[in-house]
Amino acid sequence: MLLDAEESQLVLVDYQSRLMPAIHEGDRVLANAVRLARMAQLLQVPLWCTEENPEGLGGTVDALQPLVAGRVLPKMAFDGSEVLLPRLKPAQKAAQGGNARSLPKHLQKAAPSAPARESIVLAGCEAHVCLLQTALGLLEEELEVWVVTDACSSRSDRNRDAAFDRLAGAGAELVTTEMVAFEWLRDAGHPRFKEVLSIVK
């Protein structure tokens, strides 16, 4: 099973100004998050960003701010699925009301909605806390979760690795930034291939 850009959404979890300096390999992790966000923009993949307790941990880091403007969701719970779900999985539109001669409401078909984008590409910090709990919350909602390992970390590599082990066991797919890029493209003939390739390199 490969990622499909038309079925994907990107979620960036808690890349915040007071947290990132303490993150193991934080510069590399952030650089990959920026790559993911830029590729999502090019390929029209919807993007969301969360901030855990922004008063305490600061806002989203400067490098990501222009890429996530208007798409940032503050939260206090470690599991961000509650604030994300209304955006990731909008409720299906109710059927249009009819007159007395129309079918009863329980027999009416729901109005067509936009195609579902149920492949959630997820990256963030800390891997063993907010990223893990958000991923598990989304899996419980029967969304496909793809965790971008080289764009995730914790304050220690041990906590990060334990999170990856648990996520794999729970059914999340573990991928890398380049895997996401080339699966979203699928083909060297893609009209955005050269632009995405320049981001990857």
Foldseek 3Di string as FASTA:
>chain_A
DFDAQVQEAEEEEAQFDQFQVLWDVSVQLVLLVLLLLVLCVVLVHHYAYEHAPCVVRNDHDPSCCVSCVPRYHYDHALAPQVVCCCVQPPDFAQADDDDPPDDPRVPGDTDDDDDHNQEYEYEYPDLLTSRLNNLLVSVVVVGAYEYALSNYTYSDNVSSVVSVVVSVVSHHHYHHSVSNLCSNQVDCPRPCNVVSVVSVD
